[in-house]
């Protein structure tokens, strides 16, 4: 197999190919041979550089929602839903890749860690009161339900009126974050 000379290292080529395929197909439907073919390298090099397909997946698939949380707490519900609806395919692809691979123990652990560090902890840090942790976890669960409905199930009717979805679902999130009495 002849690799194109793009000035990138073999490891970078494998990383890029794996990132693309895992996002497009998920963990189970992406093979080491597929990654190697796209990177134009021998499959043995994938294993040599990354150890296993699972370790490669864990290296290339990361979920970050930091930019989505960077809004005033008082308007976070609606703004967060707006940001999710306009999120690029990369966020959606990472989320779906993690969900699809969650039957693998290390990937499930990464999903749990990401849930905690990328969403629950930053929210909890912005909340006050003895129930801040509970409210942060409830908000994460509400958002998880929306992601499941939109990206896993593909509920087109839910997304048919984006403005209504932003207002109603944003209000649900906001009520959990900043309950009124």
C-alpha atoms as a PDB file:
ATOM      1  CA  UNK A   1       0.000   0.000   0.000  1.00  0.00           C
ATOM      2  CA  UNK A   2       1.461   3.361  -1.007  1.00  0.00           C
ATOM      3  CA  UNK A   3       0.811   6.294   1.228  1.00  0.00           C
ATOM      4  CA  UNK A   4       0.404   9.771  -0.209  1.00  0.00           C
ATOM      5  CA  UNK A   5       3.111  12.183   0.831  1.00  0.00           C
ATOM      6  CA  UNK A   6       1.181  15.017   2.415  1.00  0.00           C
ATOM      7  CA  UNK A   7       3.839  16.034   4.903  1.00  0.00           C
ATOM      8  CA  UNK A   8       1.797  14.539   7.729  1.00  0.00           C
ATOM      9  CA  UNK A   9       3.091  11.710   9.850  1.00  0.00           C
ATOM     10  CA  UNK A  10       1.672   8.213   9.603  1.00  0.00           C
ATOM     11  CA  UNK A  11       0.228   8.632  13.084  1.00  0.00           C
ATOM     12  CA  UNK A  12      -1.520  11.869  12.025  1.00  0.00           C
ATOM     13  CA  UNK A  13      -2.944  10.205   8.912  1.00  0.00           C
ATOM     14  CA  UNK A  14      -4.303   7.316  10.991  1.00  0.00           C
ATOM     15  CA  UNK A  15      -5.694   9.709  13.596  1.00  0.00           C
ATOM     16  CA  UNK A  16      -7.471  11.776  10.941  1.00  0.00           C
ATOM     17  CA  UNK A  17      -8.908   8.734   9.158  1.00  0.00           C
ATOM     18  CA  UNK A  18     -10.098   7.173  12.421  1.00  0.00           C
ATOM     19  CA  UNK A  19     -11.708  10.400  13.559  1.00  0.00           C
ATOM     20  CA  UNK A  20     -13.648  10.692  10.314  1.00  0.00           C
ATOM     21  CA  UNK A  21     -14.764   7.057  10.198  1.00  0.00           C
ATOM     22  CA  UNK A  22     -15.729   6.794  13.876  1.00  0.00           C
ATOM     23  CA  UNK A  23     -17.893   9.907  13.548  1.00  0.00           C
ATOM     24  CA  UNK A  24     -19.506   8.693  10.330  1.00  0.00           C
ATOM     25  CA  UNK A  25     -19.966   5.010  11.176  1.00  0.00           C
ATOM     26  CA  UNK A  26     -19.493   4.607  14.912  1.00  0.00           C
ATOM     27  CA  UNK A  27     -17.158   2.239  16.740  1.00  0.00           C
ATOM     28  CA  UNK A  28     -18.656  -1.140  15.791  1.00  0.00           C
ATOM     29  CA  UNK A  29     -18.984  -0.429  12.076  1.00  0.00           C
ATOM     30  CA  UNK A  30     -15.438   0.868  11.682  1.00  0.00           C
ATOM     31  CA  UNK A  31     -12.673  -1.673  11.287  1.00  0.00           C
ATOM     32  CA  UNK A  32      -8.926  -1.277  11.627  1.00  0.00           C
ATOM     33  CA  UNK A  33      -8.705  -2.207   7.940  1.00  0.00           C
ATOM     34  CA  UNK A  34     -11.124   0.615   7.046  1.00  0.00           C
ATOM     35  CA  UNK A  35      -9.036   3.112   8.978  1.00  0.00           C
ATOM     36  CA  UNK A  36      -5.831   1.858   7.401  1.00  0.00           C
ATOM     37  CA  UNK A  37      -7.348   2.004   3.915  1.00  0.00           C
ATOM     38  CA  UNK A  38      -8.454   5.598   4.338  1.00  0.00           C
ATOM     39  CA  UNK A  39      -5.077   6.559   5.830  1.00  0.00           C
ATOM     40  CA  UNK A  40      -3.361   4.579   3.045  1.00  0.00           C
ATOM     41  CA  UNK A  41      -1.239   2.580   5.475  1.00  0.00           C
ATOM     42  CA  UNK A  42      -0.843  -1.053   6.419  1.00  0.00           C
ATOM     43  CA  UNK A  43      -3.359  -2.139   9.108  1.00  0.00           C
ATOM     44  CA  UNK A  44      -0.473  -3.305  11.289  1.00  0.00           C
ATOM     45  CA  UNK A  45       0.644   0.320  11.589  1.00  0.00           C
ATOM     46  CA  UNK A  46      -2.694   1.273  13.129  1.00  0.00           C
ATOM     47  CA  UNK A  47      -2.140  -1.271  15.892  1.00  0.00           C
ATOM     48  CA  UNK A  48       1.536  -0.362  16.240  1.00  0.00           C
ATOM     49  CA  UNK A  49       0.743   3.321  16.766  1.00  0.00           C
ATOM     50  CA  UNK A  50      -2.399   3.007  18.896  1.00  0.00           C
ATOM     51  CA  UNK A  51      -2.464  -0.515  20.400  1.00  0.00           C
ATOM     52  CA  UNK A  52      -6.116  -1.391  19.763  1.00  0.00           C
ATOM     53  CA  UNK A  53      -9.094   0.004  17.898  1.00  0.00           C
ATOM     54  CA  UNK A  54     -10.685   0.876  21.239  1.00  0.00           C
ATOM     55  CA  UNK A  55      -7.627   2.856  22.396  1.00  0.00           C
ATOM     56  CA  UNK A  56      -7.567   4.678  19.054  1.00  0.00           C
ATOM     57  CA  UNK A  57     -11.272   5.496  19.440  1.00  0.00           C
ATOM     58  CA  UNK A  58     -10.693   6.854  22.943  1.00  0.00           C
ATOM     59  CA  UNK A  59      -7.870   9.036  21.678  1.00  0.00           C
ATOM     60  CA  UNK A  60      -9.731  10.586  18.769  1.00  0.00           C
ATOM     61  CA  UNK A  61     -13.303  10.931  20.053  1.00  0.00           C
ATOM     62  CA  UNK A  62     -13.846  13.706  22.584  1.00  0.00           C
ATOM     63  CA  UNK A  63     -17.011  15.613  23.404  1.00  0.00           C
ATOM     64  CA  UNK A  64     -16.780  19.232  24.473  1.00  0.00           C
ATOM     65  CA  UNK A  65     -19.765  21.440  25.173  1.00  0.00           C
ATOM     66  CA  UNK A  66     -17.807  24.309  26.771  1.00  0.00           C
ATOM     67  CA  UNK A  67     -18.827  26.866  24.128  1.00  0.00           C
ATOM     68  CA  UNK A  68     -22.464  25.855  24.593  1.00  0.00           C
ATOM     69  CA  UNK A  69     -22.295  26.622  28.315  1.00  0.00           C
ATOM     70  CA  UNK A  70     -20.652  30.035  27.897  1.00  0.00           C
ATOM     71  CA  UNK A  71     -23.818  32.102  28.425  1.00  0.00           C
ATOM     72  CA  UNK A  72     -25.396  33.822  31.430  1.00  0.00           C
ATOM     73  CA  UNK A  73     -27.025  31.317  33.767  1.00  0.00           C
ATOM     74  CA  UNK A  74     -30.356  33.165  33.640  1.00  0.00           C
ATOM     75  CA  UNK A  75     -30.695  32.474  29.888  1.00  0.00           C
ATOM     76  CA  UNK A  76     -28.775  29.216  29.656  1.00  0.00           C
ATOM     77  CA  UNK A  77     -31.804  26.993  28.915  1.00  0.00           C
ATOM     78  CA  UNK A  78     -32.868  28.601  25.654  1.00  0.00           C
ATOM     79  CA  UNK A  79     -29.370  29.563  24.567  1.00  0.00           C
ATOM     80  CA  UNK A  80     -28.127  26.018  25.132  1.00  0.00           C
ATOM     81  CA  UNK A  81     -30.934  24.481  23.054  1.00  0.00           C
ATOM     82  CA  UNK A  82     -30.324  27.062  20.294  1.00  0.00           C
ATOM     83  CA  UNK A  83     -26.641  26.170  20.285  1.00  0.00           C
ATOM     84  CA  UNK A  84     -27.398  22.443  20.154  1.00  0.00           C
ATOM     85  CA  UNK A  85     -29.744  22.891  17.209  1.00  0.00           C
ATOM     86  CA  UNK A  86     -27.099  24.826  15.320  1.00  0.00           C
ATOM     87  CA  UNK A  87     -24.200  22.629  16.488  1.00  0.00           C
ATOM     88  CA  UNK A  88     -21.852  21.472  13.812  1.00  0.00           C
ATOM     89  CA  UNK A  89     -21.773  17.895  12.647  1.00  0.00           C
ATOM     90  CA  UNK A  90     -18.635  17.279  14.695  1.00  0.00           C
ATOM     91  CA  UNK A  91     -20.464  17.559  18.038  1.00  0.00           C
ATOM     92  CA  UNK A  92     -23.266  15.353  16.748  1.00  0.00           C
ATOM     93  CA  UNK A  93     -20.779  12.845  15.310  1.00  0.00           C
ATOM     94  CA  UNK A  94     -18.795  12.614  18.535  1.00  0.00           C
ATOM     95  CA  UNK A  95     -21.940  12.155  20.614  1.00  0.00           C
ATOM     96  CA  UNK A  96     -23.271   9.432  18.319  1.00  0.00           C
ATOM     97  CA  UNK A  97     -19.896   7.681  18.144  1.00  0.00           C
ATOM     98  CA  UNK A  98     -19.726   7.559  21.937  1.00  0.00           C
ATOM     99  CA  UNK A  99     -23.304   6.322  22.273  1.00  0.00           C
ATOM    100  CA  UNK A 100     -22.836   3.677  19.579  1.00  0.00           C
ATOM    101  CA  UNK A 101     -19.653   2.431  21.211  1.00  0.00           C
ATOM    102  CA  UNK A 102     -20.961   2.543  24.769  1.00  0.00           C
ATOM    103  CA  UNK A 103     -21.266  -1.243  24.982  1.00  0.00           C
ATOM    104  CA  UNK A 104     -17.461  -1.324  25.196  1.00  0.00           C
ATOM    105  CA  UNK A 105     -16.457  -0.840  28.861  1.00  0.00           C
ATOM    106  CA  UNK A 106     -13.726   1.741  28.276  1.00  0.00           C
ATOM    107  CA  UNK A 107     -15.912   3.745  25.899  1.00  0.00           C
ATOM    108  CA  UNK A 108     -18.789   3.630  28.395  1.00  0.00           C
ATOM    109  CA  UNK A 109     -16.349   4.906  31.025  1.00  0.00           C
ATOM    110  CA  UNK A 110     -15.287   7.746  28.670  1.00  0.00           C
ATOM    111  CA  UNK A 111     -18.951   8.622  28.152  1.00  0.00           C
ATOM    112  CA  UNK A 112     -19.492   8.744  31.938  1.00  0.00           C
ATOM    113  CA  UNK A 113     -16.358  10.842  32.424  1.00  0.00           C
ATOM    114  CA  UNK A 114     -17.380  13.204  29.640  1.00  0.00           C
ATOM    115  CA  UNK A 115     -20.852  13.546  31.126  1.00  0.00           C
ATOM    116  CA  UNK A 116     -19.320  14.448  34.460  1.00  0.00           C
ATOM    117  CA  UNK A 117     -16.450  16.712  33.384  1.00  0.00           C
ATOM    118  CA  UNK A 118     -17.887  18.352  30.278  1.00  0.00           C
ATOM    119  CA  UNK A 119     -21.409  19.002  31.508  1.00  0.00           C
ATOM    120  CA  UNK A 120     -22.262  18.270  35.149  1.00  0.00           C
ATOM    121  CA  UNK A 121     -19.178  19.798  36.784  1.00  0.00           C
ATOM    122  CA  UNK A 122     -19.172  23.084  34.797  1.00  0.00           C
ATOM    123  CA  UNK A 123     -22.886  23.524  35.499  1.00  0.00           C
ATOM    124  CA  UNK A 124     -22.518  22.629  39.180  1.00  0.00           C
ATOM    125  CA  UNK A 125     -19.693  25.170  39.490  1.00  0.00           C
ATOM    126  CA  UNK A 126     -22.063  27.913  38.289  1.00  0.00           C
ATOM    127  CA  UNK A 127     -24.946  26.978  40.577  1.00  0.00           C
ATOM    128  CA  UNK A 128     -25.393  27.752  44.262  1.00  0.00           C
ATOM    129  CA  UNK A 129     -27.288  26.080  47.040  1.00  0.00           C
ATOM    130  CA  UNK A 130     -27.215  22.661  48.663  1.00  0.00           C
ATOM    131  CA  UNK A 131     -28.937  21.044  45.673  1.00  0.00           C
ATOM    132  CA  UNK A 132     -26.530  22.416  43.025  1.00  0.00           C
ATOM    133  CA  UNK A 133     -25.201  18.953  42.192  1.00  0.00           C
ATOM    134  CA  UNK A 134     -28.704  17.517  41.815  1.00  0.00           C
ATOM    135  CA  UNK A 135     -29.832  20.395  39.581  1.00  0.00           C
ATOM    136  CA  UNK A 136     -26.722  20.051  37.396  1.00  0.00           C
ATOM    137  CA  UNK A 137     -27.347  16.308  36.999  1.00  0.00           C
ATOM    138  CA  UNK A 138     -31.036  16.849  36.248  1.00  0.00           C
ATOM    139  CA  UNK A 139     -30.161  19.452  33.595  1.00  0.00           C
ATOM    140  CA  UNK A 140     -27.693  16.970  32.056  1.00  0.00           C
ATOM    141  CA  UNK A 141     -30.421  14.325  32.007  1.00  0.00           C
ATOM    142  CA  UNK A 142     -32.875  16.710  30.348  1.00  0.00           C
ATOM    143  CA  UNK A 143     -30.279  17.615  27.697  1.00  0.00           C
ATOM    144  CA  UNK A 144     -29.458  13.924  27.236  1.00  0.00           C
ATOM    145  CA  UNK A 145     -33.104  13.251  26.489  1.00  0.00           C
ATOM    146  CA  UNK A 146     -33.116  15.961  23.829  1.00  0.00           C
ATOM    147  CA  UNK A 147     -29.936  14.636  22.224  1.00  0.00           C
ATOM    148  CA  UNK A 148     -31.376  11.141  22.205  1.00  0.00           C
ATOM    149  CA  UNK A 149     -34.629  12.281  20.596  1.00  0.00           C
ATOM    150  CA  UNK A 150     -32.921  14.441  17.979  1.00  0.00           C
ATOM    151  CA  UNK A 151     -29.737  12.546  17.156  1.00  0.00           C
ATOM    152  CA  UNK A 152     -30.308   8.902  18.078  1.00  0.00           C
ATOM    153  CA  UNK A 153     -34.011   8.497  17.322  1.00  0.00           C
ATOM    154  CA  UNK A 154     -34.118  11.249  14.701  1.00  0.00           C
ATOM    155  CA  UNK A 155     -37.495  12.648  15.794  1.00  0.00           C
ATOM    156  CA  UNK A 156     -38.134  15.033  12.908  1.00  0.00           C
ATOM    157  CA  UNK A 157     -41.494  16.175  14.258  1.00  0.00           C
ATOM    158  CA  UNK A 158     -39.825  17.344  17.465  1.00  0.00           C
ATOM    159  CA  UNK A 159     -37.456  19.491  15.415  1.00  0.00           C
ATOM    160  CA  UNK A 160     -40.119  20.652  12.942  1.00  0.00           C
ATOM    161  CA  UNK A 161     -40.537  24.010  14.700  1.00  0.00           C
ATOM    162  CA  UNK A 162     -37.072  24.930  16.002  1.00  0.00           C
ATOM    163  CA  UNK A 163     -38.251  28.123  17.727  1.00  0.00           C
ATOM    164  CA  UNK A 164     -40.945  26.281  19.691  1.00  0.00           C
ATOM    165  CA  UNK A 165     -38.408  23.605  20.634  1.00  0.00           C
ATOM    166  CA  UNK A 166     -35.973  26.265  21.873  1.00  0.00           C
ATOM    167  CA  UNK A 167     -38.646  28.010  23.946  1.00  0.00           C
ATOM    168  CA  UNK A 168     -40.247  24.913  25.449  1.00  0.00           C
ATOM    169  CA  UNK A 169     -37.188  22.741  25.976  1.00  0.00           C
ATOM    170  CA  UNK A 170     -35.130  25.731  27.044  1.00  0.00           C
ATOM    171  CA  UNK A 171     -37.764  26.427  29.716  1.00  0.00           C
ATOM    172  CA  UNK A 172     -37.453  22.841  30.985  1.00  0.00           C
ATOM    173  CA  UNK A 173     -33.698  23.176  31.354  1.00  0.00           C
ATOM    174  CA  UNK A 174     -34.025  26.621  32.896  1.00  0.00           C
ATOM    175  CA  UNK A 175     -36.578  25.397  35.454  1.00  0.00           C
ATOM    176  CA  UNK A 176     -34.160  22.705  36.591  1.00  0.00           C
ATOM    177  CA  UNK A 177     -31.226  25.131  36.780  1.00  0.00           C
ATOM    178  CA  UNK A 178     -32.965  28.106  38.359  1.00  0.00           C
ATOM    179  CA  UNK A 179     -36.199  26.901  39.964  1.00  0.00           C
ATOM    180  CA  UNK A 180     -38.678  29.594  40.908  1.00  0.00           C
ATOM    181  CA  UNK A 181     -39.785  28.870  44.474  1.00  0.00           C
END
